[in-house]
Amino acid sequence: MRDELQVKLGKAVGVRISKCVGVALLLSLAVTPGGCNRSGSQQGAARNKPPAFERDLASVQRNNFQKVYVISRPDGGTLDADDKAFLKTNMPIETTMRILTDEDRRLIVGTNFDFKPEHFDALNKRFRIEDYTGR
């Protein structure tokens, strides 16, 4: 009887080991290069990501401002501390939304009123102003 019990236990252990080996084999196939490729999907998502300027412009446009302006330096350079101080001094205080974007090369402005001619005159002396309203 004891020998019979050992044989039955031996078969049961053998079946369990076989199942474990089978599961391990399936798991190893799931993580091979042909299986799940997460890094490729992340790279694909990064390639489809729009540039920062387009994302920021869309966020301003979603707010339904009456006017949307993009202000930049004529040479395309970054807006330095002097430029930012000039903009702060010469832009209407009622300007609703300002986003510095494109690696500090452009300022997107959303507002619900027209800039006065004196604001445009002061800003045009130093910057290029593009009207993106309705684009």
Protein backbone atom coordinates (compact mmCIF):
# COMPACT_ATOMS: atom_id res chain seq x y z
CA MET A 1 0.00 0.00 0.00
CA ARG A 2 2.80 2.32 0.89
CA ASP A 3 4.48 1.66 -2.48
CA GLU A 4 1.18 2.29 -4.25
CA LEU A 5 0.79 5.65 -2.43
CA GLN A 6 4.30 6.72 -3.36
CA VAL A 7 3.64 5.93 -7.03
CA LYS A 8 0.43 7.99 -6.99
CA LEU A 9 2.20 10.89 -5.26
CA GLY A 10 5.05 10.65 -7.75
CA LYS A 11 2.63 10.92 -10.68
CA ALA A 12 0.82 13.89 -9.10
CA VAL A 13 4.12 15.73 -8.51
CA GLY A 14 5.19 14.97 -12.06
CA VAL A 15 1.93 16.41 -13.45
CA ARG A 16 2.34 19.58 -11.36
CA ILE A 17 5.92 20.02 -12.52
CA SER A 18 4.81 19.59 -16.14
CA LYS A 19 2.11 22.23 -15.70
CA CYS A 20 4.62 24.62 -14.12
CA VAL A 21 7.04 24.11 -17.00
CA GLY A 22 4.22 24.73 -19.48
CA VAL A 23 3.17 27.96 -17.80
CA ALA A 24 6.79 29.13 -17.62
CA LEU A 25 7.20 28.41 -21.33
CA LEU A 26 4.09 30.40 -22.22
CA LEU A 27 5.24 33.35 -20.11
CA SER A 28 8.66 33.33 -21.70
CA LEU A 29 7.09 33.44 -25.17
CA ALA A 30 4.94 36.40 -24.15
CA VAL A 31 7.95 38.55 -23.31
CA THR A 32 10.13 37.70 -26.32
CA PRO A 33 10.84 40.47 -28.88
CA GLY A 34 7.96 39.29 -31.04
CA GLY A 35 5.58 39.50 -28.07
CA CYS A 36 4.74 42.67 -26.21
CA ASN A 37 6.81 45.63 -27.44
CA ARG A 38 6.06 48.52 -25.10
CA SER A 39 9.07 50.66 -25.97
CA GLY A 40 8.01 50.78 -29.61
CA SER A 41 4.52 51.99 -28.74
CA GLN A 42 5.96 54.74 -26.52
CA GLN A 43 8.26 55.88 -29.31
CA GLY A 44 5.32 55.93 -31.70
CA ALA A 45 3.33 58.08 -29.29
CA ALA A 46 6.24 60.52 -28.95
CA ARG A 47 6.51 60.81 -32.74
CA ASN A 48 2.80 61.66 -33.01
CA LYS A 49 2.99 64.33 -30.31
CA PRO A 50 2.55 67.82 -31.81
CA PRO A 51 5.21 70.48 -31.19
CA ALA A 52 4.89 72.56 -28.01
CA PHE A 53 3.82 75.67 -29.92
CA GLU A 54 0.90 73.89 -31.58
CA ARG A 55 -0.23 72.33 -28.28
CA ASP A 56 -0.04 75.66 -26.44
CA LEU A 57 -1.79 77.53 -29.25
CA ALA A 58 -4.60 74.96 -29.22
CA SER A 59 -4.98 75.37 -25.45
CA VAL A 60 -5.40 79.14 -25.84
CA GLN A 61 -7.82 78.72 -28.76
CA ARG A 62 -9.96 76.28 -26.73
CA ASN A 63 -10.67 79.13 -24.32
CA ASN A 64 -12.58 81.01 -27.05
CA PHE A 65 -10.77 84.32 -26.72
CA GLN A 66 -11.88 87.08 -29.07
CA LYS A 67 -8.25 87.76 -30.00
CA VAL A 68 -5.19 85.50 -30.08
CA TYR A 69 -1.76 87.02 -30.76
CA VAL A 70 1.65 85.41 -31.06
CA ILE A 71 4.57 87.67 -30.16
CA SER A 72 8.18 86.86 -31.04
CA ARG A 73 11.50 88.53 -31.70
CA PRO A 74 12.15 89.42 -35.35
CA ASP A 75 15.41 87.41 -35.26
CA GLY A 76 13.60 84.33 -33.89
CA GLY A 77 15.74 84.35 -30.74
CA THR A 78 14.61 83.52 -27.24
CA LEU A 79 12.77 86.10 -25.20
CA ASP A 80 15.28 87.17 -22.55
CA ALA A 81 14.63 88.94 -19.24
CA ASP A 82 14.72 92.40 -20.89
CA ASP A 83 12.19 91.29 -23.52
CA LYS A 84 9.88 89.90 -20.86
CA ALA A 85 10.10 93.10 -18.82
CA PHE A 86 9.34 95.16 -21.94
CA LEU A 87 6.32 92.98 -22.73
CA LYS A 88 5.04 93.25 -19.18
CA THR A 89 5.39 97.04 -19.24
CA ASN A 90 3.89 97.61 -22.70
CA MET A 91 1.14 95.00 -22.84
CA PRO A 92 -2.33 95.83 -21.51
CA ILE A 93 -2.81 94.69 -17.94
CA GLU A 94 -6.20 93.20 -18.87
CA THR A 95 -4.58 90.54 -21.06
CA THR A 96 -6.24 87.34 -19.94
CA MET A 97 -3.84 84.53 -20.84
CA ARG A 98 -0.13 84.44 -21.66
CA ILE A 99 1.86 81.31 -22.47
CA LEU A 100 5.57 81.35 -23.13
CA THR A 101 6.28 78.55 -25.60
CA ASP A 102 8.58 77.19 -28.30
CA GLU A 103 11.60 77.11 -25.98
CA ASP A 104 10.93 80.72 -24.86
CA ARG A 105 10.86 82.02 -28.46
CA ARG A 106 7.17 82.94 -28.63
CA LEU A 107 4.52 84.34 -26.33
CA ILE A 108 0.93 83.34 -27.06
CA VAL A 109 -1.59 85.88 -25.79
CA GLY A 110 -5.34 85.33 -25.43
CA THR A 111 -7.59 88.30 -24.76
CA ASN A 112 -11.23 89.37 -25.05
CA PHE A 113 -10.57 92.92 -26.28
CA ASP A 114 -8.56 94.69 -28.98
CA PHE A 115 -5.15 96.07 -28.10
CA LYS A 116 -5.04 99.85 -28.34
CA PRO A 117 -2.90 101.43 -31.08
CA GLU A 118 -0.35 102.62 -28.49
CA HIS A 119 0.17 99.02 -27.36
CA PHE A 120 0.72 97.83 -30.92
CA ASP A 121 3.08 100.76 -31.60
CA ALA A 122 5.22 100.00 -28.56
CA LEU A 123 5.29 96.24 -29.16
CA ASN A 124 5.97 96.55 -32.91
CA LYS A 125 9.13 98.55 -32.21
CA ARG A 126 10.74 95.46 -30.73
CA PHE A 127 8.68 92.39 -31.67
CA ARG A 128 6.81 90.70 -34.47
CA ILE A 129 3.10 90.36 -33.67
CA GLU A 130 0.99 87.81 -35.52
CA ASP A 131 -2.79 87.69 -35.27
CA TYR A 132 -3.87 84.05 -34.83
CA THR A 133 -7.52 84.91 -34.22
CA GLY A 134 -9.74 82.41 -36.00
CA ARG A 135 -6.88 80.27 -37.36
